[in-house]
Amino acid sequence: GEEAYDVGDYEYAWERFEALAKAGHKGSQYYLGQLYSITDSGRAQNMSVAAEWYARSAEQGHAKAQYSLGMMYQYGTGVSVDYTEAFFWLEKAASSNIGDAQLAMSKLLAEKNNPDFSVVDSYMWYLLAKFSERNPKMTKTHYETNILGYKLMQNQEDLAMNLAVARR
């Protein structure tokens, strides 16, 4: 199934994943969510159904499904916007070293209108994403310019680094 999905043989992927997903296989549930999310899978895109499959998979601990579901809640794709749910699922995925989820957590925590706003936690997730992705373009200056919008204080940077090292 995964190989078929990866090469774009969506009809075969649908056949393989549907039965397994309905039987409770978390990986197949994730891929079924993926198939419902894309427009060229051979069936109608349905983001609400995609969210349902991601949720089933995420509840069983599938980190990529947790990330996908968290992003859906953050942006209201297929579900209502719910920052509490977004935070919950993104943090689970980020804690499983999903670099995209770590970066999403960094951005979510840097939003000043977020009640969980925390510069230190935001920069910690950014550093973890940098470590996960091994991306040399992810620098302190990039974070300050593109995510935070102002310069970090030295004590914030030091504390975030200590937290990131402790999580690794």
Protein backbone atom coordinates (compact mmCIF):
# COMPACT_ATOMS: atom_id res chain seq x y z
CA GLY A 1 0.00 0.00 0.00
CA GLU A 2 2.63 2.54 0.99
CA GLU A 3 4.69 1.86 -2.12
CA ALA A 4 1.60 2.29 -4.31
CA TYR A 5 0.81 5.56 -2.55
CA ASP A 6 4.38 6.81 -2.92
CA VAL A 7 4.40 6.20 -6.70
CA GLY A 8 0.89 7.61 -7.22
CA ASP A 9 -0.96 4.32 -7.79
CA TYR A 10 -3.84 5.60 -5.71
CA GLU A 11 -6.44 3.08 -6.85
CA TYR A 12 -4.32 0.22 -5.55
CA ALA A 13 -3.53 2.21 -2.41
CA TRP A 14 -7.27 2.74 -1.77
CA GLU A 15 -7.84 -1.02 -2.06
CA ARG A 16 -5.01 -1.89 0.32
CA PHE A 17 -5.65 0.77 2.93
CA GLU A 18 -9.46 0.74 3.22
CA ALA A 19 -9.87 -2.74 4.64
CA LEU A 20 -6.88 -2.41 6.96
CA ALA A 21 -7.98 1.03 8.17
CA LYS A 22 -11.47 -0.22 8.98
CA ALA A 23 -9.86 -3.08 10.92
CA GLY A 24 -8.00 -0.53 13.07
CA HIS A 25 -4.51 -0.46 11.50
CA LYS A 26 -3.14 2.97 12.46
CA GLY A 27 -0.75 3.28 9.50
CA SER A 28 -3.52 2.49 7.03
CA GLN A 29 -5.81 4.96 8.78
CA TYR A 30 -3.16 7.64 8.34
CA TYR A 31 -2.76 6.87 4.65
CA LEU A 32 -6.51 6.83 4.15
CA GLY A 33 -6.55 10.32 5.66
CA GLN A 34 -3.84 11.27 3.19
CA LEU A 35 -5.85 9.87 0.28
CA TYR A 36 -8.93 11.84 1.31
CA SER A 37 -6.75 14.97 1.60
CA ILE A 38 -5.42 15.03 -1.95
CA THR A 39 -7.30 16.04 -5.07
CA ASP A 40 -5.88 13.52 -7.54
CA SER A 41 -6.45 10.27 -5.62
CA GLY A 42 -9.21 9.08 -7.92
CA ARG A 43 -11.97 9.96 -5.45
CA ALA A 44 -13.46 13.20 -4.21
CA GLN A 45 -11.36 15.15 -1.77
CA ASN A 46 -13.10 15.22 1.62
CA MET A 47 -11.21 16.99 4.38
CA SER A 48 -13.79 16.14 7.07
CA VAL A 49 -13.42 12.43 6.37
CA ALA A 50 -9.63 12.87 6.22
CA ALA A 51 -9.76 14.40 9.71
CA GLU A 52 -11.77 11.44 10.99
CA TRP A 53 -9.17 8.96 9.70
CA TYR A 54 -6.29 11.05 11.03
CA ALA A 55 -8.01 11.17 14.42
CA ARG A 56 -8.40 7.39 14.56
CA SER A 57 -4.73 6.95 13.71
CA ALA A 58 -3.55 9.78 15.98
CA GLU A 59 -5.40 8.33 18.95
CA GLN A 60 -3.35 5.15 18.46
CA GLY A 61 -0.11 7.14 18.55
CA HIS A 62 0.72 7.60 14.85
CA ALA A 63 2.96 10.71 14.93
CA LYS A 64 2.39 11.84 11.33
CA ALA A 65 -1.37 11.55 11.84
CA GLN A 66 -1.03 13.60 15.04
CA TYR A 67 0.81 16.28 13.06
CA SER A 68 -1.76 16.27 10.24
CA LEU A 69 -4.67 16.45 12.67
CA GLY A 70 -3.01 19.24 14.65
CA MET A 71 -2.53 21.30 11.52
CA MET A 72 -6.16 20.73 10.53
CA TYR A 73 -7.29 22.07 13.90
CA GLN A 74 -4.90 25.02 13.70
CA TYR A 75 -6.21 26.16 10.31
CA GLY A 76 -9.79 24.82 10.40
CA THR A 77 -9.33 22.42 7.51
CA GLY A 78 -12.09 19.79 7.67
CA VAL A 79 -12.71 20.67 11.33
CA SER A 80 -13.46 23.84 13.27
CA VAL A 81 -10.46 25.90 14.34
CA ASP A 82 -9.52 24.75 17.83
CA TYR A 83 -6.16 25.89 19.17
CA THR A 84 -6.41 23.65 22.22
CA GLU A 85 -6.76 20.57 19.99
CA ALA A 86 -4.09 21.89 17.62
CA PHE A 87 -1.67 22.37 20.51
CA PHE A 88 -2.49 18.92 21.95
CA TRP A 89 -1.89 17.01 18.70
CA LEU A 90 1.07 19.07 17.50
CA GLU A 91 2.83 18.67 20.83
CA LYS A 92 2.39 14.89 20.67
CA ALA A 93 3.82 14.78 17.14
CA ALA A 94 6.61 17.21 18.01
CA SER A 95 7.56 15.05 20.99
CA SER A 96 7.97 12.15 18.54
CA ASN A 97 10.64 14.16 16.66
CA ILE A 98 8.49 15.09 13.67
CA GLY A 99 10.43 18.16 12.47
CA ASP A 100 7.43 19.79 10.78
CA ALA A 101 5.44 19.45 14.00
CA GLN A 102 8.28 20.96 16.02
CA LEU A 103 8.37 23.94 13.68
CA ALA A 104 4.57 24.24 13.85
CA MET A 105 4.77 24.25 17.66
CA SER A 106 7.41 26.96 17.50
CA LYS A 107 5.17 29.13 15.34
CA LEU A 108 2.05 28.42 17.41
CA LEU A 109 3.80 29.36 20.66
CA ALA A 110 5.21 32.55 19.11
CA GLU A 111 1.74 33.93 18.29
CA LYS A 112 1.12 36.77 20.72
CA ASN A 113 -2.66 36.16 20.72
CA ASN A 114 -2.05 32.57 21.85
CA PRO A 115 -2.79 32.16 25.57
CA ASP A 116 0.12 29.67 25.74
CA PHE A 117 2.54 32.26 24.26
CA SER A 118 6.08 31.46 25.36
CA VAL A 119 9.22 32.74 23.68
CA VAL A 120 11.39 30.18 25.46
CA ASP A 121 9.20 27.19 24.52
CA SER A 122 8.79 28.53 21.00
CA TYR A 123 12.55 28.80 20.48
CA MET A 124 13.11 25.37 22.11
CA TRP A 125 10.79 23.75 19.52
CA TYR A 126 12.54 25.71 16.77
CA LEU A 127 15.91 24.36 17.92
CA LEU A 128 14.53 20.81 18.06
CA ALA A 129 13.15 21.21 14.54
CA LYS A 130 16.55 22.44 13.42
CA PHE A 131 18.20 19.36 14.96
CA SER A 132 15.56 17.03 13.45
CA GLU A 133 15.74 18.52 9.98
CA ARG A 134 19.47 19.23 10.01
CA ASN A 135 18.66 22.46 8.22
CA PRO A 136 21.52 24.98 8.17
CA LYS A 137 19.11 27.75 7.11
CA MET A 138 17.37 27.49 10.47
CA THR A 139 19.37 30.07 12.39
CA LYS A 140 18.67 32.31 15.35
CA THR A 141 18.40 35.26 12.95
CA HIS A 142 15.88 33.34 10.80
CA TYR A 143 13.81 32.58 13.92
CA GLU A 144 13.91 36.17 15.15
CA THR A 145 13.05 37.60 11.73
CA ASN A 146 10.51 35.09 10.38
CA ILE A 147 8.80 33.66 13.46
CA LEU A 148 9.22 35.87 16.51
CA GLY A 149 9.52 39.30 14.98
CA TYR A 150 12.10 40.64 17.45
CA LYS A 151 15.40 39.69 19.05
CA LEU A 152 15.66 37.08 21.78
CA MET A 153 17.20 38.06 25.08
CA GLN A 154 20.29 36.04 26.01
CA ASN A 155 18.61 34.39 29.01
CA GLN A 156 15.69 33.26 26.80
CA GLU A 157 18.09 31.78 24.29
CA ASP A 158 20.10 29.99 26.99
CA LEU A 159 17.03 28.54 28.68
CA ALA A 160 15.56 27.35 25.37
CA MET A 161 18.87 25.69 24.47
CA ASN A 162 18.99 23.90 27.84
CA LEU A 163 15.41 22.68 27.40
CA ALA A 164 16.10 21.49 23.85
CA VAL A 165 19.20 19.58 24.94
CA ALA A 166 17.24 17.97 27.79
CA ARG A 167 14.53 16.81 25.35
CA ARG A 168 17.03 15.25 22.95
